[in-house]
């Protein structure tokens, strides 16, 4: 038994405080002014102080690009009473390390609705469990998904968010063949909130997935707006088409539908 997958992840990070200590460092052949910045990460993820410091170095390594720079630029690792570190960082590096979960101005969704965006839970900590592997039918094994739910329960998470669905009709409130509902039931019984996707099927009757009463089922609605846009072909014939967003003009080649399916399949193989 397997399940088709649509997966998304929300990133969150930390709060950054700036001290009035300035330095000048040379990195990549260019001189950049740095200050000592304190990156506060809240409660410790590990009881072992060594593991806490290792997580700080990994974060710096991903930002600076090398283990050597991470060790040299770190000033302190706060690993006993709480989690955080102090490091020599430029203003651009501070923006990168504190971007997720922060307010981001001048954001537009495909050219529509300009405004300010913000993460839903900027102080949350994310635990991710890989359940999708490259298979012949391009799906994810239910056994792996249930194991991830079991591990999440053991890790003591507060919320489990699962963007997975099954390509079958559900005609009963409780689907006895859907093991997700079993894993979710035991998670909820331990005080863990479980959110699952309603699926990408429909709008036919009985096409909503993950509807057990102990699961918070999350769904999106169909688009209620279209933007008319001119579509000019290679022979200069212009047609009036509809698009879900007001994107700027661009050029693209026409392809056969079968070619599109092949390209999508190859992209999924690289991803999973």
Protein backbone atom coordinates (compact mmCIF):
# COMPACT_ATOMS: atom_id res chain seq x y z
CA UNK A 1 0.00 0.00 0.00
CA UNK A 2 1.38 3.40 -0.90
CA UNK A 3 0.37 7.03 -0.90
CA UNK A 4 0.82 9.83 -3.38
CA UNK A 5 2.70 12.78 -1.98
CA UNK A 6 2.59 16.53 -1.98
CA UNK A 7 5.03 17.87 0.59
CA UNK A 8 5.82 21.31 1.83
CA UNK A 9 7.89 22.59 4.62
CA UNK A 10 7.74 25.82 6.56
CA UNK A 11 11.09 27.21 7.80
CA UNK A 12 11.65 29.08 11.03
CA UNK A 13 14.81 30.38 12.65
CA UNK A 14 15.88 32.62 15.49
CA UNK A 15 16.05 36.08 17.01
CA UNK A 16 19.23 38.06 16.41
CA UNK A 17 20.48 40.78 18.76
CA UNK A 18 23.23 43.24 17.73
CA UNK A 19 26.02 44.50 20.00
CA UNK A 20 28.04 47.65 19.33
CA UNK A 21 31.35 45.91 18.66
CA UNK A 22 32.73 46.35 15.16
CA UNK A 23 35.48 44.50 13.34
CA UNK A 24 36.86 44.34 9.82
CA UNK A 25 37.48 40.99 8.17
CA UNK A 26 38.58 39.95 4.73
CA UNK A 27 36.54 37.15 3.19
CA UNK A 28 36.54 36.12 -0.44
CA UNK A 29 38.90 38.94 -1.36
CA UNK A 30 36.55 41.72 -0.20
CA UNK A 31 36.69 43.70 3.05
CA UNK A 32 33.44 43.62 5.03
CA UNK A 33 32.61 45.32 8.29
CA UNK A 34 31.38 42.92 10.96
CA UNK A 35 29.96 43.14 14.44
CA UNK A 36 29.50 40.57 17.15
CA UNK A 37 25.93 39.34 16.87
CA UNK A 38 24.16 37.18 19.42
CA UNK A 39 21.91 34.52 17.90
CA UNK A 40 19.43 33.45 20.57
CA UNK A 41 17.80 30.05 19.93
CA UNK A 42 15.76 29.54 23.09
CA UNK A 43 15.69 26.22 24.93
CA UNK A 44 18.41 23.68 24.26
CA UNK A 45 17.58 20.86 21.87
CA UNK A 46 20.08 18.51 23.54
CA UNK A 47 21.06 17.82 27.13
CA UNK A 48 24.66 17.25 26.01
CA UNK A 49 26.42 20.66 25.78
CA UNK A 50 28.74 19.29 23.10
CA UNK A 51 25.81 18.51 20.82
CA UNK A 52 24.42 22.00 21.40
CA UNK A 53 27.70 23.60 20.31
CA UNK A 54 27.88 21.27 17.32
CA UNK A 55 24.45 22.47 16.19
CA UNK A 56 25.65 26.08 16.47
CA UNK A 57 28.71 25.32 14.34
CA UNK A 58 26.56 23.59 11.72
CA UNK A 59 24.33 26.66 11.49
CA UNK A 60 27.35 28.91 11.04
CA UNK A 61 28.90 26.52 8.52
CA UNK A 62 25.77 26.62 6.37
CA UNK A 63 25.93 30.43 6.49
CA UNK A 64 29.67 30.95 5.97
CA UNK A 65 30.39 28.01 3.70
CA UNK A 66 33.14 26.20 5.61
CA UNK A 67 33.82 24.52 8.96
CA UNK A 68 37.02 26.55 9.35
CA UNK A 69 35.22 29.89 9.07
CA UNK A 70 32.50 28.68 11.43
CA UNK A 71 35.09 27.89 14.11
CA UNK A 72 37.04 31.11 13.58
CA UNK A 73 34.03 33.44 13.49
CA UNK A 74 32.27 31.99 16.55
CA UNK A 75 32.99 33.93 19.75
CA UNK A 76 30.87 32.06 22.31
CA UNK A 77 28.53 29.08 22.35
CA UNK A 78 25.75 29.34 24.94
CA UNK A 79 25.03 25.70 25.67
CA UNK A 80 24.23 25.17 29.35
CA UNK A 81 21.26 27.23 30.49
CA UNK A 82 19.92 27.95 27.00
CA UNK A 83 20.90 27.69 23.34
CA UNK A 84 22.58 30.43 21.32
CA UNK A 85 25.92 31.73 20.15
CA UNK A 86 27.87 34.92 19.46
CA UNK A 87 29.73 35.31 16.18
CA UNK A 88 31.39 37.85 13.90
CA UNK A 89 28.80 38.50 11.17
CA UNK A 90 28.15 41.12 8.52
CA UNK A 91 24.77 42.82 8.14
CA UNK A 92 23.95 40.72 5.08
CA UNK A 93 24.72 37.52 6.97
CA UNK A 94 22.49 38.62 9.84
CA UNK A 95 19.62 39.13 7.42
CA UNK A 96 20.12 35.64 6.00
CA UNK A 97 20.26 33.89 9.36
CA UNK A 98 17.22 35.70 10.74
CA UNK A 99 15.04 35.83 7.60
CA UNK A 100 12.80 32.81 8.24
CA UNK A 101 9.88 33.68 10.48
CA UNK A 102 10.64 37.40 10.39
CA UNK A 103 8.61 40.13 8.71
CA UNK A 104 9.48 40.36 5.01
CA UNK A 105 8.30 43.58 3.30
CA UNK A 106 7.23 44.05 -0.33
CA UNK A 107 6.19 40.46 -0.94
CA UNK A 108 3.88 39.60 -3.82
CA UNK A 109 2.17 36.31 -4.65
CA UNK A 110 2.80 35.94 -8.39
CA UNK A 111 2.39 39.64 -8.96
CA UNK A 112 -0.82 39.91 -6.90
CA UNK A 113 -1.42 41.32 -3.42
CA UNK A 114 1.72 43.28 -2.58
CA UNK A 115 2.29 43.41 1.19
CA UNK A 116 4.28 42.14 4.16
CA UNK A 117 4.67 38.41 4.81
CA UNK A 118 5.56 36.67 8.06
CA UNK A 119 6.04 33.08 9.14
CA UNK A 120 3.15 31.54 11.04
CA UNK A 121 5.24 30.34 13.99
CA UNK A 122 8.65 32.08 13.95
CA UNK A 123 9.73 30.64 17.32
CA UNK A 124 8.83 27.05 16.52
CA UNK A 125 11.42 24.33 16.10
CA UNK A 126 11.07 22.04 13.12
CA UNK A 127 11.70 18.28 13.08
CA UNK A 128 11.51 16.70 9.62
CA UNK A 129 11.18 13.01 8.81
CA UNK A 130 11.97 11.67 5.33
CA UNK A 131 9.29 9.25 4.17
CA UNK A 132 9.44 9.54 0.37
CA UNK A 133 11.93 7.54 -1.65
CA UNK A 134 12.38 6.91 -5.35
CA UNK A 135 10.05 4.06 -6.31
CA UNK A 136 8.78 2.58 -9.57
CA UNK A 137 5.34 4.17 -9.27
CA UNK A 138 6.61 7.45 -7.82
CA UNK A 139 4.77 7.05 -4.52
CA UNK A 140 5.66 6.82 -0.85
CA UNK A 141 5.38 3.65 1.21
CA UNK A 142 2.74 3.75 3.93
CA UNK A 143 5.02 1.71 6.21
CA UNK A 144 7.65 4.47 6.11
CA UNK A 145 5.07 7.17 6.81
CA UNK A 146 3.71 5.31 9.84
CA UNK A 147 7.27 4.82 11.13
CA UNK A 148 7.89 8.56 10.88
CA UNK A 149 4.72 9.24 12.87
CA UNK A 150 5.89 6.76 15.50
CA UNK A 151 9.29 8.49 15.70
CA UNK A 152 7.65 11.91 15.99
CA UNK A 153 5.58 10.69 18.93
CA UNK A 154 8.72 9.31 20.59
CA UNK A 155 10.54 12.62 20.02
CA UNK A 156 7.80 14.46 21.92
CA UNK A 157 6.73 16.91 19.22
CA UNK A 158 3.78 19.21 19.88
CA UNK A 159 2.32 19.25 16.36
CA UNK A 160 2.48 16.79 13.46
CA UNK A 161 1.77 18.26 10.03
CA UNK A 162 1.41 15.74 7.20
CA UNK A 163 0.83 16.81 3.61
CA UNK A 164 0.03 13.36 2.26
CA UNK A 165 -3.04 11.89 0.61
CA UNK A 166 -4.32 8.72 -1.04
CA UNK A 167 -5.68 8.50 -4.58
CA UNK A 168 -8.89 6.68 -3.63
CA UNK A 169 -12.41 7.72 -2.69
CA UNK A 170 -13.33 7.70 0.99
CA UNK A 171 -16.95 6.66 1.60
CA UNK A 172 -16.73 6.25 5.36
CA UNK A 173 -15.88 8.72 8.11
CA UNK A 174 -13.26 6.26 9.37
CA UNK A 175 -11.20 4.57 6.66
CA UNK A 176 -10.00 1.30 8.22
CA UNK A 177 -7.42 0.90 5.45
CA UNK A 178 -5.80 4.29 6.09
CA UNK A 179 -3.05 3.66 8.62
CA UNK A 180 -2.50 7.43 8.91
CA UNK A 181 -5.61 7.59 11.06
CA UNK A 182 -4.22 4.94 13.42
CA UNK A 183 -0.94 6.80 13.87
CA UNK A 184 -2.77 10.10 14.26
CA UNK A 185 -5.11 8.61 16.87
CA UNK A 186 -2.24 7.55 19.12
CA UNK A 187 -0.50 10.89 18.63
CA UNK A 188 -3.62 12.82 19.63
CA UNK A 189 -4.12 10.53 22.64
CA UNK A 190 -0.70 11.73 23.84
CA UNK A 191 -1.62 15.41 23.45
CA UNK A 192 -0.10 15.93 20.00
CA UNK A 193 -2.13 17.95 17.50
CA UNK A 194 -2.24 16.29 14.07
CA UNK A 195 -2.91 18.26 10.88
CA UNK A 196 -3.28 16.48 7.55
CA UNK A 197 -4.00 17.53 3.98
CA UNK A 198 -7.45 17.04 2.49
CA UNK A 199 -5.77 15.90 -0.73
CA UNK A 200 -5.50 17.14 -4.29
CA UNK A 201 -8.50 15.26 -5.67
CA UNK A 202 -12.03 16.42 -6.38
CA UNK A 203 -14.23 18.35 -6.40
CA UNK A 204 -16.11 15.06 -6.72
CA UNK A 205 -18.06 13.71 -3.75
CA UNK A 206 -16.12 11.62 -1.22
CA UNK A 207 -12.76 12.83 -2.55
CA UNK A 208 -11.59 14.53 0.66
CA UNK A 209 -8.87 12.55 2.44
CA UNK A 210 -7.80 12.24 6.10
CA UNK A 211 -11.19 12.96 7.67
CA UNK A 212 -10.97 11.00 10.93
CA UNK A 213 -12.57 13.13 13.68
CA UNK A 214 -9.35 13.38 15.69
CA UNK A 215 -7.46 14.87 12.72
CA UNK A 216 -7.51 18.56 11.77
CA UNK A 217 -8.03 18.33 8.00
CA UNK A 218 -6.62 21.29 6.06
CA UNK A 219 -7.68 22.20 2.52
CA UNK A 220 -7.41 25.02 0.02
CA UNK A 221 -10.24 26.28 -2.15
CA UNK A 222 -10.36 26.48 -5.91
CA UNK A 223 -9.20 29.75 -7.43
CA UNK A 224 -11.98 32.31 -7.77
CA UNK A 225 -10.26 34.75 -10.09
CA UNK A 226 -8.61 34.79 -13.51
CA UNK A 227 -6.52 37.42 -15.27
CA UNK A 228 -6.96 37.85 -19.02
CA UNK A 229 -3.65 38.06 -20.82
CA UNK A 230 -2.58 38.09 -24.49
CA UNK A 231 -0.84 34.94 -25.72
CA UNK A 232 1.23 35.56 -28.86
CA UNK A 233 2.27 32.51 -30.87
CA UNK A 234 5.38 32.18 -33.00
CA UNK A 235 3.45 33.08 -36.16
CA UNK A 236 2.40 36.38 -34.50
CA UNK A 237 -1.18 35.22 -33.96
CA UNK A 238 -2.41 36.63 -30.62
CA UNK A 239 -5.01 34.83 -28.52
CA UNK A 240 -6.73 36.04 -25.35
CA UNK A 241 -5.90 33.53 -22.62
CA UNK A 242 -6.55 33.26 -18.90
CA UNK A 243 -3.91 33.01 -16.19
CA UNK A 244 -4.22 32.68 -12.39
CA UNK A 245 -1.65 35.42 -11.77
CA UNK A 246 -0.45 38.70 -13.22
CA UNK A 247 3.11 37.71 -14.07
CA UNK A 248 5.31 39.86 -16.32
CA UNK A 249 5.74 38.92 -19.97
CA UNK A 250 8.02 36.00 -20.80
CA UNK A 251 8.78 33.70 -23.72
CA UNK A 252 8.40 29.92 -23.70
CA UNK A 253 8.38 27.11 -26.23
CA UNK A 254 5.32 25.01 -26.98
CA UNK A 255 5.71 21.34 -26.04
CA UNK A 256 3.60 18.23 -26.32
CA UNK A 257 1.69 17.09 -23.23
CA UNK A 258 3.58 13.77 -23.18
CA UNK A 259 6.87 15.67 -23.06
CA UNK A 260 5.61 17.65 -20.09
CA UNK A 261 4.75 14.46 -18.21
CA UNK A 262 8.23 13.08 -18.88
CA UNK A 263 9.88 16.27 -17.61
CA UNK A 264 7.77 16.17 -14.44
CA UNK A 265 8.67 12.52 -13.85
CA UNK A 266 12.39 13.23 -14.24
CA UNK A 267 12.17 16.18 -11.83
CA UNK A 268 10.43 14.03 -9.22
CA UNK A 269 13.14 11.37 -9.52
CA UNK A 270 15.81 13.97 -8.75
CA UNK A 271 13.78 15.32 -5.81
CA UNK A 272 13.02 12.01 -4.14
